[in-house]
Amino acid sequence: MKGTKRRPDQVAETVRHVIADALLTELRDPRIGFVTVTEVQVTNDLSVATVRVSVMGTEDERTAALEGLASAAGCLRSRVGKVLTTRILPEIRFELDRGLEHAARINQVLGELRQEKPS
């Protein structure tokens, strides 16, 4: 069963590439602002692709961007279908990736602690 993880990884990379390209060149929804695809995970049966995205902006802007991405999911799935050679075309779901936001907050706290520390 060595190849069981390889195929979902290949599909995930294809999905990531197609969606990232569409974000740059095709999608014109004003709700979708500064969105970066950070990770794509595909289930072993290739039925679902979870696309994690980082969104710059306020919480309202993040929510709006996720709504815009969700409404574009069908179009994006069609684009993925033109590239994939699998019989199964994964459903595309979007999730907010708060990893970068979390890292920035940690850096901010550490910076504040350094400033408070007497020389």
Protein backbone atom coordinates (compact mmCIF):
# COMPACT_ATOMS: atom_id res chain seq x y z
CA MET A 1 0.00 0.00 0.00
CA LYS A 2 2.91 2.32 -0.67
CA GLY A 3 1.09 4.41 -3.30
CA THR A 4 -2.06 5.15 -1.31
CA LYS A 5 -0.85 8.59 -0.10
CA ARG A 6 0.95 9.55 -3.29
CA ARG A 7 -2.15 10.04 -5.46
CA PRO A 8 -3.99 12.37 -3.02
CA ASP A 9 -0.79 14.40 -2.72
CA GLN A 10 -0.54 14.71 -6.51
CA VAL A 11 -4.19 15.74 -6.76
CA ALA A 12 -3.73 18.25 -3.91
CA GLU A 13 -0.78 19.84 -5.70
CA THR A 14 -2.76 20.11 -8.94
CA VAL A 15 -5.74 21.64 -7.12
CA ARG A 16 -3.42 24.11 -5.36
CA HIS A 17 -1.82 25.16 -8.62
CA VAL A 18 -5.12 25.58 -10.52
CA ILE A 19 -6.79 27.57 -7.73
CA ALA A 20 -3.76 29.80 -7.11
CA ASP A 21 -3.62 30.54 -10.86
CA ALA A 22 -7.36 31.29 -10.98
CA LEU A 23 -7.02 33.68 -8.03
CA LEU A 24 -4.39 35.63 -9.94
CA THR A 25 -5.89 35.60 -13.42
CA GLU A 26 -9.58 34.77 -13.47
CA LEU A 27 -11.65 35.41 -10.37
CA ARG A 28 -13.05 38.93 -10.33
CA ASP A 29 -15.30 38.73 -7.25
CA PRO A 30 -14.67 41.92 -5.25
CA ARG A 31 -15.08 39.96 -2.00
CA ILE A 32 -11.97 37.96 -2.82
CA GLY A 33 -9.18 40.34 -1.94
CA PHE A 34 -5.70 39.34 -0.85
CA VAL A 35 -6.08 35.57 -0.69
CA THR A 36 -3.18 33.12 -0.61
CA VAL A 37 -3.56 29.36 -0.89
CA THR A 38 -1.46 27.94 1.94
CA GLU A 39 -2.30 24.25 1.77
CA VAL A 40 -4.57 21.74 0.05
CA GLN A 41 -5.50 18.41 1.58
CA VAL A 42 -7.33 15.76 -0.42
CA THR A 43 -9.10 12.78 1.14
CA ASN A 44 -7.70 9.34 0.26
CA ASP A 45 -10.76 8.59 -1.89
CA LEU A 46 -10.18 11.91 -3.73
CA SER A 47 -13.76 13.04 -3.04
CA VAL A 48 -12.99 16.24 -1.11
CA ALA A 49 -10.23 18.84 -1.45
CA THR A 50 -9.93 21.15 1.55
CA VAL A 51 -8.21 24.35 0.48
CA ARG A 52 -6.71 26.35 3.32
CA VAL A 53 -6.32 30.04 2.55
CA SER A 54 -4.77 33.01 4.27
CA VAL A 55 -6.70 36.27 3.85
CA MET A 56 -5.32 39.71 4.61
CA GLY A 57 -7.76 42.16 6.18
CA THR A 58 -10.34 42.47 8.89
CA GLU A 59 -12.49 39.63 10.18
CA ASP A 60 -15.39 40.88 8.01
CA GLU A 61 -13.13 40.92 4.95
CA ARG A 62 -11.98 37.36 5.73
CA THR A 63 -15.59 36.20 6.04
CA ALA A 64 -16.51 37.91 2.78
CA ALA A 65 -13.53 36.36 1.02
CA LEU A 66 -14.53 32.87 2.19
CA GLU A 67 -18.08 33.51 0.94
CA GLY A 68 -16.70 34.63 -2.42
CA LEU A 69 -14.48 31.56 -2.66
CA ALA A 70 -17.38 29.28 -1.73
CA SER A 71 -19.50 30.82 -4.48
CA ALA A 72 -16.67 30.29 -6.97
CA ALA A 73 -16.08 26.68 -5.88
CA GLY A 74 -18.10 25.22 -8.78
CA CYS A 75 -16.19 27.24 -11.36
CA LEU A 76 -12.89 26.31 -9.73
CA ARG A 77 -13.90 22.65 -9.63
CA SER A 78 -14.56 22.79 -13.39
CA ARG A 79 -11.10 24.26 -13.96
CA VAL A 80 -9.56 21.50 -11.84
CA GLY A 81 -11.54 18.92 -13.86
CA LYS A 82 -9.93 20.13 -17.09
CA VAL A 83 -6.48 19.40 -15.66
CA LEU A 84 -7.00 16.26 -13.55
CA THR A 85 -6.91 12.83 -15.12
CA THR A 86 -8.85 11.11 -12.33
CA ARG A 87 -12.34 9.64 -12.63
CA ILE A 88 -13.33 11.38 -9.41
CA LEU A 89 -13.40 15.17 -9.28
CA PRO A 90 -13.06 16.38 -5.69
CA GLU A 91 -15.54 18.72 -4.10
CA ILE A 92 -13.70 21.91 -3.18
CA ARG A 93 -14.10 23.34 0.32
CA PHE A 94 -12.38 26.43 1.68
CA GLU A 95 -11.06 26.96 5.20
CA LEU A 96 -9.37 29.93 6.76
CA ASP A 97 -5.75 29.24 7.69
CA ARG A 98 -4.98 31.24 10.80
CA GLY A 99 -1.40 29.98 11.06
CA LEU A 100 0.19 33.14 9.66
CA GLU A 101 -2.06 35.33 11.78
CA HIS A 102 -1.15 33.28 14.86
CA ALA A 103 2.58 33.53 14.07
CA ALA A 104 2.31 37.31 13.63
CA ARG A 105 0.56 37.63 17.00
CA ILE A 106 3.30 35.57 18.70
CA ASN A 107 5.98 37.79 17.14
CA GLN A 108 4.11 40.88 18.33
CA VAL A 109 3.92 39.56 21.91
CA LEU A 110 7.59 38.56 21.88
CA GLY A 111 8.53 42.02 20.58
CA GLU A 112 6.53 43.67 23.35
CA LEU A 113 8.21 41.45 25.95
CA ARG A 114 11.66 42.37 24.62
CA GLN A 115 10.83 46.08 24.87
CA GLU A 116 9.64 45.70 28.46
CA LYS A 117 12.75 43.80 29.56
CA PRO A 118 15.27 46.15 31.25
CA SER A 119 18.76 46.19 29.74
